[in-house]
Amino acid sequence: MPEETKISMLAPGDRGKITGYEKKPGPYRERILSMGLTKGTEFKLTKKAPMGDPVEIEVLGYKLTLRKEEAEIIKIEKIGKEALK
């Protein structure tokens, strides 16, 4: 069974799939869902700031920048380094 991880553990070029969300106070989950980051969605990490905040991902045909607080509530599964389908 694949291991769950966080976006912060990925390197640029790594691919992941969203598996769920942490329960955190605040509007983060609603914002993430409104950006199309739903369970089962695949993405590629394209850029990561030196201190890990923010990160840029390519998802659903567009690039999206996430702050650390937003990215950390997303549970993911690393799925490799190949190009997105």
N, C-alpha and C. Protein backbone atom coordinates (compact mmCIF):
# COMPACT_ATOMS: atom_id res chain seq x y z
N MET A 1 0.85 -1.19 0.00
CA MET A 1 0.00 0.00 0.00
C MET A 1 0.89 1.25 0.00
N PRO A 2 0.61 2.23 -0.86
CA PRO A 2 1.43 3.44 -0.93
C PRO A 2 1.39 4.21 0.39
N GLU A 3 2.48 4.90 0.66
CA GLU A 3 2.60 5.66 1.90
C GLU A 3 2.15 7.09 1.70
N GLU A 4 1.34 7.60 2.66
CA GLU A 4 0.91 8.99 2.60
C GLU A 4 2.05 9.89 3.03
N THR A 5 2.13 11.04 2.40
CA THR A 5 3.16 12.02 2.72
C THR A 5 2.57 13.42 2.56
N LYS A 6 3.41 14.41 2.57
CA LYS A 6 3.00 15.81 2.41
C LYS A 6 3.71 16.42 1.20
N ILE A 7 3.16 17.46 0.64
CA ILE A 7 3.76 18.15 -0.49
C ILE A 7 5.16 18.65 -0.13
N SER A 8 5.36 19.05 1.10
CA SER A 8 6.67 19.58 1.52
C SER A 8 7.78 18.53 1.42
N MET A 9 7.44 17.27 1.36
CA MET A 9 8.44 16.20 1.26
C MET A 9 8.83 15.90 -0.19
N LEU A 10 8.16 16.51 -1.16
CA LEU A 10 8.45 16.28 -2.56
C LEU A 10 9.54 17.22 -3.06
N ALA A 11 10.19 16.82 -4.13
CA ALA A 11 11.18 17.64 -4.82
C ALA A 11 10.58 18.08 -6.16
N PRO A 12 11.05 19.20 -6.73
CA PRO A 12 10.55 19.61 -8.04
C PRO A 12 10.66 18.46 -9.05
N GLY A 13 9.58 18.25 -9.78
CA GLY A 13 9.51 17.16 -10.75
C GLY A 13 8.76 15.95 -10.22
N ASP A 14 8.61 15.83 -8.90
CA ASP A 14 7.87 14.71 -8.32
C ASP A 14 6.38 14.88 -8.59
N ARG A 15 5.71 13.74 -8.76
CA ARG A 15 4.27 13.72 -8.97
C ARG A 15 3.59 13.15 -7.74
N GLY A 16 2.37 13.59 -7.51
CA GLY A 16 1.61 13.08 -6.39
C GLY A 16 0.13 13.01 -6.72
N LYS A 17 -0.59 12.33 -5.84
CA LYS A 17 -2.04 12.23 -5.97
C LYS A 17 -2.65 12.55 -4.61
N ILE A 18 -3.66 13.38 -4.60
CA ILE A 18 -4.31 13.79 -3.36
C ILE A 18 -5.13 12.62 -2.81
N THR A 19 -4.89 12.30 -1.52
CA THR A 19 -5.60 11.18 -0.89
C THR A 19 -6.55 11.64 0.22
N GLY A 20 -6.43 12.88 0.66
CA GLY A 20 -7.31 13.38 1.71
C GLY A 20 -6.82 14.70 2.26
N TYR A 21 -7.36 15.06 3.42
CA TYR A 21 -7.06 16.37 4.02
C TYR A 21 -6.96 16.24 5.53
N GLU A 22 -6.08 17.03 6.13
CA GLU A 22 -5.98 17.13 7.58
C GLU A 22 -7.15 17.97 8.09
N LYS A 23 -7.56 17.72 9.31
CA LYS A 23 -8.60 18.56 9.93
C LYS A 23 -7.90 19.68 10.67
N LYS A 24 -7.95 20.87 10.11
CA LYS A 24 -7.32 22.05 10.70
C LYS A 24 -8.35 23.16 10.78
N PRO A 25 -8.23 24.02 11.78
CA PRO A 25 -9.16 25.16 11.84
C PRO A 25 -8.86 26.17 10.73
N GLY A 26 -9.85 26.89 10.33
CA GLY A 26 -9.66 27.91 9.31
C GLY A 26 -10.27 27.51 7.97
N PRO A 27 -10.19 28.40 7.01
CA PRO A 27 -10.85 28.20 5.71
C PRO A 27 -10.02 27.42 4.69
N TYR A 28 -8.90 26.82 5.11
CA TYR A 28 -7.98 26.21 4.16
C TYR A 28 -8.62 25.11 3.32
N ARG A 29 -9.36 24.20 3.93
CA ARG A 29 -9.93 23.08 3.17
C ARG A 29 -10.88 23.58 2.08
N GLU A 30 -11.73 24.52 2.41
CA GLU A 30 -12.67 25.05 1.42
C GLU A 30 -11.94 25.71 0.25
N ARG A 31 -10.87 26.47 0.56
CA ARG A 31 -10.07 27.12 -0.49
C ARG A 31 -9.44 26.07 -1.40
N ILE A 32 -8.89 25.04 -0.80
CA ILE A 32 -8.21 24.00 -1.57
C ILE A 32 -9.20 23.29 -2.49
N LEU A 33 -10.35 22.96 -1.97
CA LEU A 33 -11.36 22.30 -2.80
C LEU A 33 -11.84 23.21 -3.92
N SER A 34 -11.97 24.50 -3.65
CA SER A 34 -12.44 25.44 -4.68
C SER A 34 -11.41 25.62 -5.80
N MET A 35 -10.14 25.29 -5.53
CA MET A 35 -9.10 25.39 -6.56
C MET A 35 -8.99 24.10 -7.38
N GLY A 36 -9.86 23.13 -7.12
CA GLY A 36 -9.85 21.89 -7.89
C GLY A 36 -8.97 20.80 -7.30
N LEU A 37 -8.47 21.00 -6.09
CA LEU A 37 -7.59 20.02 -5.47
C LEU A 37 -8.42 19.00 -4.69
N THR A 38 -9.15 18.18 -5.43
CA THR A 38 -10.04 17.20 -4.83
C THR A 38 -9.34 15.85 -4.71
N LYS A 39 -9.88 15.00 -3.87
CA LYS A 39 -9.32 13.67 -3.65
C LYS A 39 -9.22 12.92 -4.99
N GLY A 40 -8.05 12.33 -5.23
CA GLY A 40 -7.81 11.59 -6.48
C GLY A 40 -7.13 12.42 -7.56
N THR A 41 -7.04 13.73 -7.39
CA THR A 41 -6.42 14.60 -8.38
C THR A 41 -4.90 14.42 -8.38
N GLU A 42 -4.32 14.27 -9.57
CA GLU A 42 -2.87 14.15 -9.71
C GLU A 42 -2.27 15.53 -10.00
N PHE A 43 -1.03 15.73 -9.55
CA PHE A 43 -0.34 16.99 -9.76
C PHE A 43 1.16 16.73 -9.85
N LYS A 44 1.89 17.77 -10.29
CA LYS A 44 3.35 17.72 -10.32
C LYS A 44 3.88 18.94 -9.59
N LEU A 45 4.85 18.74 -8.69
CA LEU A 45 5.51 19.86 -8.02
C LEU A 45 6.48 20.48 -9.01
N THR A 46 6.28 21.76 -9.34
CA THR A 46 7.14 22.41 -10.34
C THR A 46 8.20 23.31 -9.72
N LYS A 47 7.88 23.97 -8.60
CA LYS A 47 8.85 24.86 -7.94
C LYS A 47 8.65 24.80 -6.43
N LYS A 48 9.76 25.03 -5.73
CA LYS A 48 9.71 25.05 -4.28
C LYS A 48 10.67 26.14 -3.80
N ALA A 49 10.19 27.07 -3.01
CA ALA A 49 11.04 28.14 -2.48
C ALA A 49 12.11 27.53 -1.56
N PRO A 50 13.24 28.20 -1.39
CA PRO A 50 14.33 27.66 -0.58
C PRO A 50 13.91 27.23 0.83
N MET A 51 13.01 27.94 1.45
CA MET A 51 12.55 27.57 2.79
C MET A 51 11.26 26.75 2.75
N GLY A 52 10.84 26.34 1.54
CA GLY A 52 9.65 25.50 1.39
C GLY A 52 8.33 26.25 1.38
N ASP A 53 8.37 27.56 1.35
CA ASP A 53 7.14 28.34 1.37
C ASP A 53 7.29 29.54 0.44
N PRO A 54 6.59 29.61 -0.65
CA PRO A 54 5.51 28.73 -1.11
C PRO A 54 6.03 27.61 -2.01
N VAL A 55 5.07 26.79 -2.49
CA VAL A 55 5.36 25.77 -3.48
C VAL A 55 4.46 26.02 -4.68
N GLU A 56 4.92 25.61 -5.85
CA GLU A 56 4.10 25.74 -7.06
C GLU A 56 3.86 24.34 -7.61
N ILE A 57 2.60 24.04 -7.90
CA ILE A 57 2.25 22.75 -8.49
C ILE A 57 1.55 22.97 -9.83
N GLU A 58 1.66 21.98 -10.69
CA GLU A 58 0.91 21.97 -11.95
C GLU A 58 -0.21 20.96 -11.76
N VAL A 59 -1.44 21.45 -11.91
CA VAL A 59 -2.61 20.61 -11.67
C VAL A 59 -3.72 21.02 -12.64
N LEU A 60 -4.37 20.05 -13.21
CA LEU A 60 -5.51 20.29 -14.10
C LEU A 60 -5.20 21.29 -15.21
N GLY A 61 -3.96 21.30 -15.70
CA GLY A 61 -3.58 22.15 -16.82
C GLY A 61 -3.16 23.56 -16.45
N TYR A 62 -3.06 23.87 -15.18
CA TYR A 62 -2.59 25.21 -14.79
C TYR A 62 -1.60 25.11 -13.64
N LYS A 63 -0.88 26.20 -13.40
CA LYS A 63 0.08 26.25 -12.29
C LYS A 63 -0.57 26.99 -11.13
N LEU A 64 -0.37 26.44 -9.94
CA LEU A 64 -0.99 26.96 -8.74
C LEU A 64 0.07 27.09 -7.65
N THR A 65 0.13 28.25 -7.01
CA THR A 65 1.07 28.47 -5.91
C THR A 65 0.31 28.34 -4.60
N LEU A 66 0.86 27.52 -3.70
CA LEU A 66 0.25 27.28 -2.39
C LEU A 66 1.16 27.75 -1.28
N ARG A 67 0.59 28.39 -0.28
CA ARG A 67 1.36 28.72 0.92
C ARG A 67 1.54 27.45 1.74
N LYS A 68 2.53 27.45 2.61
CA LYS A 68 2.83 26.29 3.43
C LYS A 68 1.61 25.82 4.23
N GLU A 69 0.87 26.75 4.80
CA GLU A 69 -0.31 26.40 5.60
C GLU A 69 -1.35 25.66 4.77
N GLU A 70 -1.51 26.06 3.50
CA GLU A 70 -2.46 25.39 2.62
C GLU A 70 -1.95 24.02 2.20
N ALA A 71 -0.69 23.97 1.79
CA ALA A 71 -0.11 22.71 1.30
C ALA A 71 -0.06 21.64 2.38
N GLU A 72 0.16 22.03 3.62
CA GLU A 72 0.34 21.06 4.69
C GLU A 72 -0.94 20.33 5.09
N ILE A 73 -2.10 20.85 4.72
CA ILE A 73 -3.32 20.11 5.09
C ILE A 73 -3.67 19.04 4.05
N ILE A 74 -2.97 19.03 2.92
CA ILE A 74 -3.26 18.06 1.86
C ILE A 74 -2.45 16.80 2.09
N LYS A 75 -3.15 15.66 2.22
CA LYS A 75 -2.49 14.36 2.32
C LYS A 75 -2.29 13.86 0.89
N ILE A 76 -1.11 13.37 0.60
CA ILE A 76 -0.83 12.91 -0.77
C ILE A 76 -0.12 11.57 -0.77
N GLU A 77 -0.08 10.99 -1.95
CA GLU A 77 0.69 9.78 -2.21
C GLU A 77 1.64 10.13 -3.35
N LYS A 78 2.94 9.90 -3.15
CA LYS A 78 3.92 10.17 -4.21
C LYS A 78 3.75 9.09 -5.27
N ILE A 79 3.69 9.52 -6.55
CA ILE A 79 3.49 8.54 -7.63
C ILE A 79 4.57 8.58 -8.68
N GLY A 80 5.67 9.25 -8.46
CA GLY A 80 6.78 9.20 -9.40
C GLY A 80 7.18 10.54 -9.94
N LYS A 81 7.95 10.48 -11.07
CA LYS A 81 8.46 11.70 -11.71
C LYS A 81 8.06 11.80 -13.18
N GLU A 82 7.19 10.94 -13.66
CA GLU A 82 6.81 10.99 -15.07
C GLU A 82 5.93 12.21 -15.35
N ALA A 83 5.72 12.48 -16.62
CA ALA A 83 4.88 13.61 -17.03
C ALA A 83 3.43 13.33 -16.66
N LEU A 84 2.66 14.38 -16.40
CA LEU A 84 1.24 14.22 -16.11
C LEU A 84 0.51 13.67 -17.32
N LYS A 85 -0.54 12.91 -17.07
CA LYS A 85 -1.36 12.35 -18.14
C LYS A 85 -2.33 13.38 -18.65
